[in-house]
Amino acid sequence: MMKELQETIDNISDDFADINAILAARSRELDRREAFDKEISEQIQSILKSKK
């Protein structure tokens, strides 16, 4: 019984570690996307200003 409980706890812990890794990767992806969007926006604004 205790061994089964320990295995269940270990499995849950592993699942949370996997979820944490996925969320960390997604967070980095969103950070890169935000930086990319900002850079593109700045370039568009620069182009618009230079055409005036």
C-alpha atoms as a PDB file:
ATOM      1  CA  MET A   1       0.000   0.000   0.000  1.00  0.00           C
ATOM      2  CA  MET A   2       2.728   2.502   0.920  1.00  0.00           C
ATOM      3  CA  LYS A   3       4.716   1.561  -2.184  1.00  0.00           C
ATOM      4  CA  GLU A   4       1.686   2.239  -4.388  1.00  0.00           C
ATOM      5  CA  LEU A   5       1.134   5.570  -2.671  1.00  0.00           C
ATOM      6  CA  GLN A   6       4.775   6.520  -3.197  1.00  0.00           C
ATOM      7  CA  GLU A   7       4.560   5.552  -6.877  1.00  0.00           C
ATOM      8  CA  THR A   8       1.429   7.651  -7.289  1.00  0.00           C
ATOM      9  CA  ILE A   9       3.100  10.622  -5.626  1.00  0.00           C
ATOM     10  CA  ASP A  10       6.193  10.176  -7.812  1.00  0.00           C
ATOM     11  CA  ASN A  11       4.018  10.038 -10.941  1.00  0.00           C
ATOM     12  CA  ILE A  12       2.159  13.182  -9.960  1.00  0.00           C
ATOM     13  CA  SER A  13       5.449  14.910  -9.231  1.00  0.00           C
ATOM     14  CA  ASP A  14       6.789  13.875 -12.644  1.00  0.00           C
ATOM     15  CA  ASP A  15       3.609  15.144 -14.299  1.00  0.00           C
ATOM     16  CA  PHE A  16       3.963  18.509 -12.571  1.00  0.00           C
ATOM     17  CA  ALA A  17       7.606  18.717 -13.631  1.00  0.00           C
ATOM     18  CA  ASP A  18       6.550  18.070 -17.248  1.00  0.00           C
ATOM     19  CA  ILE A  19       3.812  20.683 -17.034  1.00  0.00           C
ATOM     20  CA  ASN A  20       6.258  23.179 -15.527  1.00  0.00           C
ATOM     21  CA  ALA A  21       8.723  22.605 -18.375  1.00  0.00           C
ATOM     22  CA  ILE A  22       5.977  23.123 -20.960  1.00  0.00           C
ATOM     23  CA  LEU A  23       4.812  26.324 -19.279  1.00  0.00           C
ATOM     24  CA  ALA A  24       8.372  27.654 -19.036  1.00  0.00           C
ATOM     25  CA  ALA A  25       8.931  27.006 -22.739  1.00  0.00           C
ATOM     26  CA  ARG A  26       5.628  28.680 -23.613  1.00  0.00           C
ATOM     27  CA  SER A  27       6.512  31.679 -21.464  1.00  0.00           C
ATOM     28  CA  ARG A  28       9.831  32.078 -23.289  1.00  0.00           C
ATOM     29  CA  GLU A  29       8.005  31.770 -26.608  1.00  0.00           C
ATOM     30  CA  LEU A  30       5.556  34.506 -25.604  1.00  0.00           C
ATOM     31  CA  ASP A  31       8.410  36.749 -24.453  1.00  0.00           C
ATOM     32  CA  ARG A  32      10.134  36.338 -27.823  1.00  0.00           C
ATOM     33  CA  ARG A  33       6.861  37.040 -29.626  1.00  0.00           C
ATOM     34  CA  GLU A  34       6.314  40.210 -27.599  1.00  0.00           C
ATOM     35  CA  ALA A  35       9.828  41.428 -28.400  1.00  0.00           C
ATOM     36  CA  PHE A  36       9.311  40.606 -32.087  1.00  0.00           C
ATOM     37  CA  ASP A  37       5.969  42.449 -32.189  1.00  0.00           C
ATOM     38  CA  LYS A  38       7.536  45.498 -30.544  1.00  0.00           C
ATOM     39  CA  GLU A  39      10.434  45.534 -33.001  1.00  0.00           C
ATOM     40  CA  ILE A  40       8.117  45.214 -35.999  1.00  0.00           C
ATOM     41  CA  SER A  41       5.894  47.984 -34.652  1.00  0.00           C
ATOM     42  CA  GLU A  42       8.899  50.277 -34.234  1.00  0.00           C
ATOM     43  CA  GLN A  43      10.049  49.540 -37.780  1.00  0.00           C
ATOM     44  CA  ILE A  44       6.590  50.261 -39.173  1.00  0.00           C
ATOM     45  CA  GLN A  45       6.431  53.548 -37.265  1.00  0.00           C
ATOM     46  CA  SER A  46       9.867  54.479 -38.592  1.00  0.00           C
ATOM     47  CA  ILE A  47       8.820  53.744 -42.168  1.00  0.00           C
ATOM     48  CA  LEU A  48       5.610  55.746 -41.767  1.00  0.00           C
ATOM     49  CA  LYS A  49       7.509  58.734 -40.336  1.00  0.00           C
ATOM     50  CA  SER A  50      10.081  58.645 -43.154  1.00  0.00           C
ATOM     51  CA  LYS A  51       7.299  58.748 -45.797  1.00  0.00           C
ATOM     52  CA  LYS A  52       5.779  61.959 -44.423  1.00  0.00           C
END
